[in-house]
Amino acid sequence: FRARHGITQADLADRVGVRRETIVHLEKGTYTPSLRLAWQ
Protein backbone atom coordinates (compact mmCIF):
# COMPACT_ATOMS: atom_id res chain seq x y z
CA PHE A 1 0.00 0.00 0.00
CA ARG A 2 2.89 2.39 0.69
CA ALA A 3 4.26 1.69 -2.79
CA ARG A 4 0.85 2.40 -4.35
CA HIS A 5 0.79 5.80 -2.66
CA GLY A 6 4.49 6.59 -3.12
CA ILE A 7 5.00 6.94 0.64
CA THR A 8 8.32 6.08 2.28
CA GLN A 9 8.60 4.38 5.65
CA ALA A 10 9.81 7.67 7.12
CA ASP A 11 6.88 9.59 5.62
CA LEU A 12 4.36 7.12 7.01
CA ALA A 13 6.06 7.13 10.40
CA ASP A 14 5.89 10.95 10.55
CA ARG A 15 2.22 10.94 9.54
CA VAL A 16 1.18 8.51 12.26
CA GLY A 17 3.58 9.72 14.96
CA VAL A 18 5.96 6.78 15.33
CA ARG A 19 9.61 6.12 14.52
CA ARG A 20 10.59 4.69 11.14
CA GLU A 21 11.86 1.59 12.94
CA THR A 22 8.30 0.90 14.11
CA ILE A 23 7.14 0.84 10.49
CA VAL A 24 10.02 -1.51 9.64
CA HIS A 25 8.98 -3.93 12.41
CA LEU A 26 5.33 -3.72 11.42
CA GLU A 27 6.16 -4.55 7.80
CA LYS A 28 8.27 -7.52 8.91
CA GLY A 29 5.43 -8.77 11.09
CA THR A 30 7.57 -8.66 14.23
CA TYR A 31 5.45 -6.00 15.94
CA THR A 32 1.70 -5.96 16.43
CA PRO A 33 0.24 -2.45 16.41
CA SER A 34 -2.34 -1.10 18.80
CA LEU A 35 -5.80 -0.76 17.32
CA ARG A 36 -5.35 3.02 17.21
CA LEU A 37 -2.05 2.77 15.31
CA ALA A 38 -3.46 0.18 12.91
CA TRP A 39 -6.43 2.49 12.23
CA GLN A 40 -4.18 5.53 11.72
Full PDB file with SEQRES, HELIX, SHEET, SSBOND, CRYST1, ORIGX, SCALE, CONECT and MASTER records, all heavy atoms in Angstrom:
SEQRES   1 A   40  PHE ARG ALA ARG HIS GLY ILE THR GLN ALA ASP LEU ALA          
SEQRES   2 A   40  ASP ARG VAL GLY VAL ARG ARG GLU THR ILE VAL HIS LEU          
SEQRES   3 A   40  GLU LYS GLY THR TYR THR PRO SER LEU ARG LEU ALA TRP          
SEQRES   4 A   40  GLN                                                          
HELIX    1 AA1 ARG A    2  HIS A    5  1                                   4    
HELIX    2 AA2 GLN A    9  VAL A   16  1                                   8    
HELIX    3 AA3 ARG A   20  LYS A   28  1                                   9    
HELIX    4 AA4 LEU A   35  TRP A   39  1                                   5    
CRYST1    1.000    1.000    1.000  90.00  90.00  90.00 P 1           1          
ORIGX1      1.000000  0.000000  0.000000        0.00000                         
ORIGX2      0.000000  1.000000  0.000000        0.00000                         
ORIGX3      0.000000  0.000000  1.000000        0.00000                         
SCALE1      1.000000  0.000000  0.000000        0.00000                         
SCALE2      0.000000  1.000000  0.000000        0.00000                         
SCALE3      0.000000  0.000000  1.000000        0.00000                         
ATOM      1  N   PHE A   1       0.820  -1.206   0.000  1.00  0.00           N  
ATOM      2  CA  PHE A   1       0.000   0.000   0.000  1.00  0.00           C  
ATOM      3  C   PHE A   1       0.859   1.263   0.000  1.00  0.00           C  
ATOM      4  O   PHE A   1       0.511   2.249  -0.642  1.00  0.00           O  
ATOM      5  CB  PHE A   1      -0.973  -0.007   1.181  1.00  0.00           C  
ATOM      6  CG  PHE A   1      -2.221  -0.789   0.917  1.00  0.00           C  
ATOM      7  CD1 PHE A   1      -2.267  -2.151   1.146  1.00  0.00           C  
ATOM      8  CD2 PHE A   1      -3.355  -0.160   0.423  1.00  0.00           C  
ATOM      9  CE1 PHE A   1      -3.409  -2.882   0.894  1.00  0.00           C  
ATOM     10  CE2 PHE A   1      -4.515  -0.875   0.159  1.00  0.00           C  
ATOM     11  CZ  PHE A   1      -4.550  -2.239   0.400  1.00  0.00           C  
ATOM     12  N   ARG A   2       1.984   1.230   0.713  1.00  0.00           N  
ATOM     13  CA  ARG A   2       2.893   2.393   0.694  1.00  0.00           C  
ATOM     14  C   ARG A   2       3.384   2.642  -0.722  1.00  0.00           C  
ATOM     15  O   ARG A   2       3.423   3.782  -1.182  1.00  0.00           O  
ATOM     16  CB  ARG A   2       4.105   2.169   1.602  1.00  0.00           C  
ATOM     17  CG  ARG A   2       3.921   2.477   3.017  1.00  0.00           C  
ATOM     18  CD  ARG A   2       5.227   2.543   3.814  1.00  0.00           C  
ATOM     19  NE  ARG A   2       6.163   1.445   3.587  1.00  0.00           N  
ATOM     20  CZ  ARG A   2       7.220   1.508   2.764  1.00  0.00           C  
ATOM     21  NH1 ARG A   2       7.493   2.602   2.093  1.00  0.00           N  
ATOM     22  NH2 ARG A   2       8.021   0.465   2.628  1.00  0.00           N  
ATOM     23  N   ALA A   3       3.755   1.570  -1.417  1.00  0.00           N  
ATOM     24  CA  ALA A   3       4.255   1.686  -2.793  1.00  0.00           C  
ATOM     25  C   ALA A   3       3.188   2.286  -3.711  1.00  0.00           C  
ATOM     26  O   ALA A   3       3.494   3.144  -4.548  1.00  0.00           O  
ATOM     27  CB  ALA A   3       4.704   0.329  -3.308  1.00  0.00           C  
ATOM     28  N   ARG A   4       1.955   1.856  -3.538  1.00  0.00           N  
ATOM     29  CA  ARG A   4       0.845   2.399  -4.346  1.00  0.00           C  
ATOM     30  C   ARG A   4       0.704   3.904  -4.190  1.00  0.00           C  
ATOM     31  O   ARG A   4       0.351   4.606  -5.122  1.00  0.00           O  
ATOM     32  CB  ARG A   4      -0.484   1.761  -3.948  1.00  0.00           C  
ATOM     33  CG  ARG A   4      -0.655   0.348  -4.371  1.00  0.00           C  
ATOM     34  CD  ARG A   4      -2.034  -0.132  -3.985  1.00  0.00           C  
ATOM     35  NE  ARG A   4      -2.117  -1.582  -4.030  1.00  0.00           N  
ATOM     36  CZ  ARG A   4      -3.176  -2.274  -3.649  1.00  0.00           C  
ATOM     37  NH1 ARG A   4      -4.244  -1.635  -3.171  1.00  0.00           N  
ATOM     38  NH2 ARG A   4      -3.177  -3.576  -3.725  1.00  0.00           N  
ATOM     39  N   HIS A   5       0.964   4.376  -2.976  1.00  0.00           N  
ATOM     40  CA  HIS A   5       0.795   5.799  -2.664  1.00  0.00           C  
ATOM     41  C   HIS A   5       2.102   6.591  -2.737  1.00  0.00           C  
ATOM     42  O   HIS A   5       2.100   7.797  -2.507  1.00  0.00           O  
ATOM     43  CB  HIS A   5       0.166   5.963  -1.282  1.00  0.00           C  
ATOM     44  CG  HIS A   5      -1.248   5.482  -1.209  1.00  0.00           C  
ATOM     45  ND1 HIS A   5      -2.319   6.204  -1.687  1.00  0.00           N  
ATOM     46  CD2 HIS A   5      -1.769   4.314  -0.742  1.00  0.00           C  
ATOM     47  CE1 HIS A   5      -3.424   5.526  -1.511  1.00  0.00           C  
ATOM     48  NE2 HIS A   5      -3.117   4.364  -0.936  1.00  0.00           N  
ATOM     49  N   GLY A   6       3.200   5.902  -3.027  1.00  0.00           N  
ATOM     50  CA  GLY A   6       4.488   6.593  -3.117  1.00  0.00           C  
ATOM     51  C   GLY A   6       4.946   7.182  -1.800  1.00  0.00           C  
ATOM     52  O   GLY A   6       5.546   8.246  -1.766  1.00  0.00           O  
ATOM     53  N   ILE A   7       4.670   6.464  -0.703  1.00  0.00           N  
ATOM     54  CA  ILE A   7       5.004   6.941   0.638  1.00  0.00           C  
ATOM     55  C   ILE A   7       6.175   6.124   1.173  1.00  0.00           C  
ATOM     56  O   ILE A   7       6.154   4.895   1.133  1.00  0.00           O  
ATOM     57  CB  ILE A   7       3.797   6.793   1.586  1.00  0.00           C  
ATOM     58  CG1 ILE A   7       2.611   7.629   1.081  1.00  0.00           C  
ATOM     59  CG2 ILE A   7       4.158   7.204   3.001  1.00  0.00           C  
ATOM     60  CD1 ILE A   7       1.330   7.377   1.851  1.00  0.00           C  
ATOM     61  N   THR A   8       7.193   6.785   1.680  1.00  0.00           N  
ATOM     62  CA  THR A   8       8.323   6.080   2.279  1.00  0.00           C  
ATOM     63  C   THR A   8       7.971   5.654   3.705  1.00  0.00           C  
ATOM     64  O   THR A   8       6.992   6.138   4.293  1.00  0.00           O  
ATOM     65  CB  THR A   8       9.582   6.962   2.338  1.00  0.00           C  
ATOM     66  OG1 THR A   8       9.334   8.042   3.255  1.00  0.00           O  
ATOM     67  CG2 THR A   8       9.966   7.496   0.962  1.00  0.00           C  
ATOM     68  N   GLN A   9       8.790   4.773   4.257  1.00  0.00           N  
ATOM     69  CA  GLN A   9       8.599   4.383   5.651  1.00  0.00           C  
ATOM     70  C   GLN A   9       8.685   5.601   6.561  1.00  0.00           C  
ATOM     71  O   GLN A   9       7.888   5.739   7.488  1.00  0.00           O  
ATOM     72  CB  GLN A   9       9.639   3.348   6.060  1.00  0.00           C  
ATOM     73  CG  GLN A   9       9.436   1.999   5.426  1.00  0.00           C  
ATOM     74  CD  GLN A   9      10.543   1.016   5.765  1.00  0.00           C  
ATOM     75  OE1 GLN A   9      11.665   1.419   6.066  1.00  0.00           O  
ATOM     76  NE2 GLN A   9      10.223  -0.269   5.706  1.00  0.00           N  
ATOM     77  N   ALA A  10       9.642   6.471   6.300  1.00  0.00           N  
ATOM     78  CA  ALA A  10       9.813   7.666   7.124  1.00  0.00           C  
ATOM     79  C   ALA A  10       8.602   8.582   7.019  1.00  0.00           C  
ATOM     80  O   ALA A  10       8.150   9.142   8.030  1.00  0.00           O  
ATOM     81  CB  ALA A  10      11.083   8.406   6.718  1.00  0.00           C  
ATOM     82  N   ASP A  11       8.067   8.753   5.813  1.00  0.00           N  
ATOM     83  CA  ASP A  11       6.881   9.595   5.624  1.00  0.00           C  
ATOM     84  C   ASP A  11       5.699   9.045   6.425  1.00  0.00           C  
ATOM     85  O   ASP A  11       4.997   9.794   7.115  1.00  0.00           O  
ATOM     86  CB  ASP A  11       6.475   9.669   4.149  1.00  0.00           C  
ATOM     87  CG  ASP A  11       7.448  10.461   3.297  1.00  0.00           C  
ATOM     88  OD1 ASP A  11       8.201  11.295   3.846  1.00  0.00           O  
ATOM     89  OD2 ASP A  11       7.451  10.231   2.067  1.00  0.00           O  
ATOM     90  N   LEU A  12       5.480   7.738   6.302  1.00  0.00           N  
ATOM     91  CA  LEU A  12       4.361   7.119   7.014  1.00  0.00           C  
ATOM     92  C   LEU A  12       4.554   7.244   8.518  1.00  0.00           C  
ATOM     93  O   LEU A  12       3.609   7.578   9.244  1.00  0.00           O  
ATOM     94  CB  LEU A  12       4.214   5.652   6.598  1.00  0.00           C  
ATOM     95  CG  LEU A  12       3.049   4.896   7.231  1.00  0.00           C  
ATOM     96  CD1 LEU A  12       1.712   5.563   6.944  1.00  0.00           C  
ATOM     97  CD2 LEU A  12       3.041   3.446   6.746  1.00  0.00           C  
ATOM     98  N   ALA A  13       5.765   7.011   8.973  1.00  0.00           N  
ATOM     99  CA  ALA A  13       6.061   7.133  10.402  1.00  0.00           C  
ATOM    100  C   ALA A  13       5.745   8.547  10.899  1.00  0.00           C  
ATOM    101  O   ALA A  13       5.099   8.706  11.946  1.00  0.00           O  
ATOM    102  CB  ALA A  13       7.521   6.789  10.671  1.00  0.00           C  
ATOM    103  N   ASP A  14       6.169   9.562  10.164  1.00  0.00           N  
ATOM    104  CA  ASP A  14       5.886  10.946  10.545  1.00  0.00           C  
ATOM    105  C   ASP A  14       4.389  11.216  10.597  1.00  0.00           C  
ATOM    106  O   ASP A  14       3.895  11.879  11.506  1.00  0.00           O  
ATOM    107  CB  ASP A  14       6.537  11.927   9.564  1.00  0.00           C  
ATOM    108  CG  ASP A  14       8.045  12.017   9.729  1.00  0.00           C  
ATOM    109  OD1 ASP A  14       8.566  11.595  10.791  1.00  0.00           O  
ATOM    110  OD2 ASP A  14       8.704  12.506   8.789  1.00  0.00           O  
ATOM    111  N   ARG A  15       3.668  10.688   9.623  1.00  0.00           N  
ATOM    112  CA  ARG A  15       2.219  10.941   9.535  1.00  0.00           C  
ATOM    113  C   ARG A  15       1.438  10.318  10.685  1.00  0.00           C  
ATOM    114  O   ARG A  15       0.401  10.850  11.081  1.00  0.00           O  
ATOM    115  CB  ARG A  15       1.671  10.425   8.214  1.00  0.00           C  
ATOM    116  CG  ARG A  15       2.159  11.213   7.019  1.00  0.00           C  
ATOM    117  CD  ARG A  15       1.601  10.641   5.743  1.00  0.00           C  
ATOM    118  NE  ARG A  15       2.161  11.292   4.581  1.00  0.00           N  
ATOM    119  CZ  ARG A  15       1.712  11.110   3.340  1.00  0.00           C  
ATOM    120  NH1 ARG A  15       0.698  10.288   3.114  1.00  0.00           N  
ATOM    121  NH2 ARG A  15       2.270  11.739   2.336  1.00  0.00           N  
ATOM    122  N   VAL A  16       1.917   9.179  11.189  1.00  0.00           N  
ATOM    123  CA  VAL A  16       1.177   8.506  12.263  1.00  0.00           C  
ATOM    124  C   VAL A  16       1.839   8.672  13.633  1.00  0.00           C  
ATOM    125  O   VAL A  16       1.354   8.145  14.628  1.00  0.00           O  
ATOM    126  CB  VAL A  16       0.930   7.012  11.951  1.00  0.00           C  
ATOM    127  CG1 VAL A  16       0.093   6.858  10.704  1.00  0.00           C  
ATOM    128  CG2 VAL A  16       2.234   6.230  11.847  1.00  0.00           C  
ATOM    129  N   GLY A  17       2.957   9.386  13.685  1.00  0.00           N  
ATOM    130  CA  GLY A  17       3.579   9.716  14.961  1.00  0.00           C  
ATOM    131  C   GLY A  17       4.388   8.618  15.615  1.00  0.00           C  
ATOM    132  O   GLY A  17       4.403   8.501  16.841  1.00  0.00           O  
ATOM    133  N   VAL A  18       5.062   7.806  14.785  1.00  0.00           N  
ATOM    134  CA  VAL A  18       5.957   6.777  15.329  1.00  0.00           C  
ATOM    135  C   VAL A  18       7.324   6.910  14.664  1.00  0.00           C  
ATOM    136  O   VAL A  18       7.505   7.688  13.740  1.00  0.00           O  
ATOM    137  CB  VAL A  18       5.398   5.343  15.103  1.00  0.00           C  
ATOM    138  CG1 VAL A  18       4.080   5.164  15.833  1.00  0.00           C  
ATOM    139  CG2 VAL A  18       5.259   5.017  13.624  1.00  0.00           C  
ATOM    140  N   ARG A  19       8.288   6.128  15.144  1.00  0.00           N  
ATOM    141  CA  ARG A  19       9.612   6.119  14.525  1.00  0.00           C  
ATOM    142  C   ARG A  19       9.594   5.233  13.286  1.00  0.00           C  
ATOM    143  O   ARG A  19       8.788   4.302  13.186  1.00  0.00           O  
ATOM    144  CB  ARG A  19      10.647   5.595  15.516  1.00  0.00           C  
ATOM    145  CG  ARG A  19      10.835   6.526  16.697  1.00  0.00           C  
ATOM    146  CD  ARG A  19      11.737   5.967  17.747  1.00  0.00           C  
ATOM    147  NE  ARG A  19      12.821   5.173  17.179  1.00  0.00           N  
ATOM    148  CZ  ARG A  19      13.839   4.703  17.858  1.00  0.00           C  
ATOM    149  NH1 ARG A  19      13.931   4.929  19.140  1.00  0.00           N  
ATOM    150  NH2 ARG A  19      14.775   3.992  17.274  1.00  0.00           N  
ATOM    151  N   ARG A  20      10.498   5.489  12.360  1.00  0.00           N  
ATOM    152  CA  ARG A  20      10.586   4.690  11.144  1.00  0.00           C  
ATOM    153  C   ARG A  20      10.814   3.220  11.482  1.00  0.00           C  
ATOM    154  O   ARG A  20      10.287   2.326  10.827  1.00  0.00           O  
ATOM    155  CB  ARG A  20      11.715   5.202  10.234  1.00  0.00           C  
ATOM    156  CG  ARG A  20      11.754   4.481   8.877  1.00  0.00           C  
ATOM    157  CD  ARG A  20      12.987   4.845   8.075  1.00  0.00           C  
ATOM    158  NE  ARG A  20      14.214   4.388   8.697  1.00  0.00           N  
ATOM    159  CZ  ARG A  20      14.682   3.137   8.629  1.00  0.00           C  
ATOM    160  NH1 ARG A  20      14.025   2.216   7.983  1.00  0.00           N  
ATOM    161  NH2 ARG A  20      15.810   2.810   9.225  1.00  0.00           N  
ATOM    162  N   GLU A  21      11.575   2.963  12.531  1.00  0.00           N  
ATOM    163  CA  GLU A  21      11.858   1.592  12.936  1.00  0.00           C  
ATOM    164  C   GLU A  21      10.578   0.828  13.286  1.00  0.00           C  
ATOM    165  O   GLU A  21      10.484  -0.388  13.068  1.00  0.00           O  
ATOM    166  CB  GLU A  21      12.823   1.565  14.129  1.00  0.00           C  
ATOM    167  CG  GLU A  21      14.229   1.990  13.782  1.00  0.00           C  
ATOM    168  CD  GLU A  21      14.430   3.509  13.733  1.00  0.00           C  
ATOM    169  OE1 GLU A  21      13.474   4.286  14.012  1.00  0.00           O  
ATOM    170  OE2 GLU A  21      15.549   3.927  13.404  1.00  0.00           O  
ATOM    171  N   THR A  22       9.591   1.530  13.812  1.00  0.00           N  
ATOM    172  CA  THR A  22       8.305   0.903  14.114  1.00  0.00           C  
ATOM    173  C   THR A  22       7.650   0.419  12.832  1.00  0.00           C  
ATOM    174  O   THR A  22       7.123  -0.704  12.776  1.00  0.00           O  
ATOM    175  CB  THR A  22       7.383   1.886  14.857  1.00  0.00           C  
ATOM    176  OG1 THR A  22       8.024   2.301  16.068  1.00  0.00           O  
ATOM    177  CG2 THR A  22       6.037   1.259  15.176  1.00  0.00           C  
ATOM    178  N   ILE A  23       7.704   1.230  11.786  1.00  0.00           N  
ATOM    179  CA  ILE A  23       7.141   0.843  10.493  1.00  0.00           C  
ATOM    180  C   ILE A  23       7.891  -0.371   9.942  1.00  0.00           C  
ATOM    181  O   ILE A  23       7.281  -1.314   9.421  1.00  0.00           O  
ATOM    182  CB  ILE A  23       7.168   2.013   9.491  1.00  0.00           C  
ATOM    183  CG1 ILE A  23       6.390   3.228  10.043  1.00  0.00           C  
ATOM    184  CG2 ILE A  23       6.645   1.583   8.127  1.00  0.00           C  
ATOM    185  CD1 ILE A  23       4.930   2.978  10.327  1.00  0.00           C  
ATOM    186  N   VAL A  24       9.211  -0.377  10.088  1.00  0.00           N  
ATOM    187  CA  VAL A  24      10.021  -1.514   9.638  1.00  0.00           C  
ATOM    188  C   VAL A  24       9.548  -2.794  10.327  1.00  0.00           C  
ATOM    189  O   VAL A  24       9.311  -3.815   9.678  1.00  0.00           O  
ATOM    190  CB  VAL A  24      11.527  -1.280   9.911  1.00  0.00           C  
ATOM    191  CG1 VAL A  24      12.330  -2.548   9.673  1.00  0.00           C  
ATOM    192  CG2 VAL A  24      12.053  -0.140   9.058  1.00  0.00           C  
ATOM    193  N   HIS A  25       9.397  -2.750  11.649  1.00  0.00           N  
ATOM    194  CA  HIS A  25       8.983  -3.931  12.408  1.00  0.00           C  
ATOM    195  C   HIS A  25       7.555  -4.354  12.054  1.00  0.00           C  
ATOM    196  O   HIS A  25       7.264  -5.550  11.981  1.00  0.00           O  
ATOM    197  CB  HIS A  25       9.116  -3.702  13.908  1.00  0.00           C  
ATOM    198  CG  HIS A  25      10.539  -3.637  14.366  1.00  0.00           C  
ATOM    199  ND1 HIS A  25      11.375  -4.722  14.351  1.00  0.00           N  
ATOM    200  CD2 HIS A  25      11.271  -2.603  14.844  1.00  0.00           C  
ATOM    201  CE1 HIS A  25      12.572  -4.373  14.807  1.00  0.00           C  
ATOM    202  NE2 HIS A  25      12.531  -3.079  15.104  1.00  0.00           N  
ATOM    203  N   LEU A  26       6.691  -3.392  11.831  1.00  0.00           N  
ATOM    204  CA  LEU A  26       5.326  -3.720  11.419  1.00  0.00           C  
ATOM    205  C   LEU A  26       5.325  -4.443  10.079  1.00  0.00           C  
ATOM    206  O   LEU A  26       4.627  -5.441   9.899  1.00  0.00           O  
ATOM    207  CB  LEU A  26       4.480  -2.449  11.314  1.00  0.00           C  
ATOM    208  CG  LEU A  26       4.027  -1.838  12.629  1.00  0.00           C  
ATOM    209  CD1 LEU A  26       3.494  -0.435  12.400  1.00  0.00           C  
ATOM    210  CD2 LEU A  26       2.974  -2.710  13.277  1.00  0.00           C  
ATOM    211  N   GLU A  27       6.110  -3.939   9.132  1.00  0.00           N  
ATOM    212  CA  GLU A  27       6.162  -4.545   7.800  1.00  0.00           C  
ATOM    213  C   GLU A  27       6.768  -5.945   7.834  1.00  0.00           C  
ATOM    214  O   GLU A  27       6.403  -6.798   7.032  1.00  0.00           O  
ATOM    215  CB  GLU A  27       6.911  -3.648   6.822  1.00  0.00           C  
ATOM    216  CG  GLU A  27       6.116  -2.407   6.472  1.00  0.00           C  
ATOM    217  CD  GLU A  27       6.777  -1.547   5.414  1.00  0.00           C  
ATOM    218  OE1 GLU A  27       7.904  -1.853   4.964  1.00  0.00           O  
ATOM    219  OE2 GLU A  27       6.155  -0.540   5.022  1.00  0.00           O  
ATOM    220  N   LYS A  28       7.674  -6.193   8.769  1.00  0.00           N  
ATOM    221  CA  LYS A  28       8.271  -7.524   8.910  1.00  0.00           C  
ATOM    222  C   LYS A  28       7.367  -8.481   9.680  1.00  0.00           C  
ATOM    223  O   LYS A  28       7.615  -9.680   9.710  1.00  0.00           O  
ATOM    224  CB  LYS A  28       9.611  -7.424   9.652  1.00  0.00           C  
ATOM    225  CG  LYS A  28      10.718  -6.804   8.839  1.00  0.00           C  
ATOM    226  CD  LYS A  28      11.997  -6.806   9.644  1.00  0.00           C  
ATOM    227  CE  LYS A  28      13.153  -6.237   8.845  1.00  0.00           C  
ATOM    228  NZ  LYS A  28      14.401  -6.244   9.643  1.00  0.00           N  
ATOM    229  N   GLY A  29       6.337  -7.937  10.307  1.00  0.00           N  
ATOM    230  CA  GLY A  29       5.432  -8.768  11.092  1.00  0.00           C  
ATOM    231  C   GLY A  29       5.966  -9.121  12.460  1.00  0.00           C  
ATOM    232  O   GLY A  29       5.465 -10.026  13.114  1.00  0.00           O  
ATOM    233  N   THR A  30       6.985  -8.383  12.924  1.00  0.00           N  
ATOM    234  CA  THR A  30       7.570  -8.664  14.235  1.00  0.00           C  
ATOM    235  C   THR A  30       7.006  -7.768  15.331  1.00  0.00           C  
ATOM    236  O   THR A  30       7.426  -7.859  16.481  1.00  0.00           O  
ATOM    237  CB  THR A  30       9.106  -8.509  14.198  1.00  0.00           C  
ATOM    238  OG1 THR A  30       9.436  -7.182  13.795  1.00  0.00           O  
ATOM    239  CG2 THR A  30       9.729  -9.510  13.236  1.00  0.00           C  
ATOM    240  N   TYR A  31       6.075  -6.902  14.975  1.00  0.00           N  
ATOM    241  CA  TYR A  31       5.448  -5.997  15.937  1.00  0.00           C  
ATOM    242  C   TYR A  31       3.973  -5.915  15.605  1.00  0.00           C  
ATOM    243  O   TYR A  31       3.599  -5.740  14.445  1.00  0.00           O  
ATOM    244  CB  TYR A  31       6.096  -4.615  15.862  1.00  0.00           C  
ATOM    245  CG  TYR A  31       5.482  -3.577  16.769  1.00  0.00           C  
ATOM    246  CD1 TYR A  31       5.736  -3.583  18.131  1.00  0.00           C  
ATOM    247  CD2 TYR A  31       4.651  -2.586  16.259  1.00  0.00           C  
ATOM    248  CE1 TYR A  31       5.173  -2.629  18.967  1.00  0.00           C  
ATOM    249  CE2 TYR A  31       4.091  -1.624  17.088  1.00  0.00           C  
ATOM    250  CZ  TYR A  31       4.352  -1.653  18.442  1.00  0.00           C  
ATOM    251  OH  TYR A  31       3.796  -0.716  19.269  1.00  0.00           O  
ATOM    252  N   THR A  32       3.139  -6.074  16.619  1.00  0.00           N  
ATOM    253  CA  THR A  32       1.698  -5.965  16.434  1.00  0.00           C  
ATOM    254  C   THR A  32       1.252  -4.589  16.914  1.00  0.00           C  
ATOM    255  O   THR A  32       1.484  -4.231  18.071  1.00  0.00           O  
ATOM    256  CB  THR A  32       0.956  -7.059  17.232  1.00  0.00           C  
ATOM    257  OG1 THR A  32       1.441  -8.333  16.799  1.00  0.00           O  
ATOM    258  CG2 THR A  32      -0.536  -6.975  17.010  1.00  0.00           C  
ATOM    259  N   PRO A  33       0.623  -3.810  16.032  1.00  0.00           N  
ATOM    260  CA  PRO A  33       0.244  -2.448  16.411  1.00  0.00           C  
ATOM    261  C   PRO A  33      -0.975  -2.427  17.334  1.00  0.00           C  
ATOM    262  O   PRO A  33      -1.778  -3.361  17.361  1.00  0.00           O  
ATOM    263  CB  PRO A  33      -0.108  -1.811  15.066  1.00  0.00           C  
ATOM    264  CG  PRO A  33      -0.652  -2.947  14.261  1.00  0.00           C  
ATOM    265  CD  PRO A  33       0.205  -4.133  14.672  1.00  0.00           C  
ATOM    266  N   SER A  34      -1.103  -1.333  18.053  1.00  0.00           N  
ATOM    267  CA  SER A  34      -2.341  -1.102  18.800  1.00  0.00           C  
ATOM    268  C   SER A  34      -3.452  -0.883  17.777  1.00  0.00           C  
ATOM    269  O   SER A  34      -3.192  -0.607  16.597  1.00  0.00           O  
ATOM    270  CB  SER A  34      -2.201   0.142  19.682  1.00  0.00           C  
ATOM    271  OG  SER A  34      -2.083   1.302  18.857  1.00  0.00           O  
ATOM    272  N   LEU A  35      -4.670  -0.991  18.221  1.00  0.00           N  
ATOM    273  CA  LEU A  35      -5.798  -0.760  17.324  1.00  0.00           C  
ATOM    274  C   LEU A  35      -5.767   0.667  16.785  1.00  0.00           C  
ATOM    275  O   LEU A  35      -6.004   0.907  15.597  1.00  0.00           O  
ATOM    276  CB  LEU A  35      -7.118  -1.031  18.046  1.00  0.00           C  
ATOM    277  CG  LEU A  35      -8.380  -0.864  17.219  1.00  0.00           C  
ATOM    278  CD1 LEU A  35      -8.338  -1.733  15.964  1.00  0.00           C  
ATOM    279  CD2 LEU A  35      -9.596  -1.192  18.067  1.00  0.00           C  
ATOM    280  N   ARG A  36      -5.419   1.625  17.638  1.00  0.00           N  
ATOM    281  CA  ARG A  36      -5.354   3.020  17.211  1.00  0.00           C  
ATOM    282  C   ARG A  36      -4.304   3.206  16.118  1.00  0.00           C  
ATOM    283  O   ARG A  36      -4.556   3.849  15.104  1.00  0.00           O  
ATOM    284  CB  ARG A  36      -5.046   3.943  18.390  1.00  0.00           C  
ATOM    285  CG  ARG A  36      -4.909   5.424  17.971  1.00  0.00           C  
ATOM    286  CD  ARG A  36      -4.575   6.323  19.137  1.00  0.00           C  
ATOM    287  NE  ARG A  36      -5.619   6.333  20.136  1.00  0.00           N  
ATOM    288  CZ  ARG A  36      -6.656   7.172  20.127  1.00  0.00           C  
ATOM    289  NH1 ARG A  36      -6.765   8.059  19.168  1.00  0.00           N  
ATOM    290  NH2 ARG A  36      -7.562   7.133  21.068  1.00  0.00           N  
ATOM    291  N   LEU A  37      -3.112   2.627  16.303  1.00  0.00           N  
ATOM    292  CA  LEU A  37      -2.048   2.772  15.308  1.00  0.00           C  
ATOM    293  C   LEU A  37      -2.437   2.079  14.006  1.00  0.00           C  
ATOM    294  O   LEU A  37      -2.230   2.622  12.918  1.00  0.00           O  
ATOM    295  CB  LEU A  37      -0.727   2.220  15.839  1.00  0.00           C  
ATOM    296  CG  LEU A  37       0.465   2.287  14.882  1.00  0.00           C  
ATOM    297  CD1 LEU A  37       0.713   3.718  14.402  1.00  0.00           C  
ATOM    298  CD2 LEU A  37       1.700   1.708  15.540  1.00  0.00           C  
ATOM    299  N   ALA A  38      -3.021   0.893  14.108  1.00  0.00           N  
ATOM    300  CA  ALA A  38      -3.463   0.181  12.907  1.00  0.00           C  
ATOM    301  C   ALA A  38      -4.477   1.023  12.142  1.00  0.00           C  
ATOM    302  O   ALA A  38      -4.414   1.133  10.907  1.00  0.00           O  
ATOM    303  CB  ALA A  38      -4.065  -1.168  13.282  1.00  0.00           C  
ATOM    304  N   TRP A  39      -5.404   1.638  12.857  1.00  0.00           N  
ATOM    305  CA  TRP A  39      -6.427   2.485  12.233  1.00  0.00           C  
ATOM    306  C   TRP A  39      -5.793   3.713  11.580  1.00  0.00           C  
ATOM    307  O   TRP A  39      -6.138   4.073  10.453  1.00  0.00           O  
ATOM    308  CB  TRP A  39      -7.462   2.889  13.286  1.00  0.00           C  
ATOM    309  CG  TRP A  39      -8.551   3.747  12.734  1.00  0.00           C  
ATOM    310  CD1 TRP A  39      -9.627   3.343  11.999  1.00  0.00           C  
ATOM    311  CD2 TRP A  39      -8.650   5.160  12.861  1.00  0.00           C  
ATOM    312  NE1 TRP A  39     -10.390   4.441  11.670  1.00  0.00           N  
ATOM    313  CE2 TRP A  39      -9.808   5.559  12.186  1.00  0.00           C  
ATOM    314  CE3 TRP A  39      -7.861   6.130  13.486  1.00  0.00           C  
ATOM    315  CZ2 TRP A  39     -10.209   6.888  12.114  1.00  0.00           C  
ATOM    316  CZ3 TRP A  39      -8.261   7.453  13.409  1.00  0.00           C  
ATOM    317  CH2 TRP A  39      -9.422   7.818  12.732  1.00  0.00           C  
ATOM    318  N   GLN A  40      -4.847   4.356  12.277  1.00  0.00           N  
ATOM    319  CA  GLN A  40      -4.178   5.532  11.716  1.00  0.00           C  
ATOM    320  C   GLN A  40      -3.428   5.180  10.436  1.00  0.00           C  
ATOM    321  O   GLN A  40      -3.495   5.914   9.450  1.00  0.00           O  
ATOM    322  CB  GLN A  40      -3.196   6.132  12.735  1.00  0.00           C  
ATOM    323  CG  GLN A  40      -3.862   6.807  13.894  1.00  0.00           C  
ATOM    324  CD  GLN A  40      -2.857   7.232  14.948  1.00  0.00           C  
ATOM    325  OE1 GLN A  40      -1.954   6.479  15.313  1.00  0.00           O  
ATOM    326  NE2 GLN A  40      -3.019   8.442  15.467  1.00  0.00           N  
TER     327      GLN A  40                                                      
MASTER        0    0    0    4    0    0    0    6  326    1    0    4          
END                                                                             
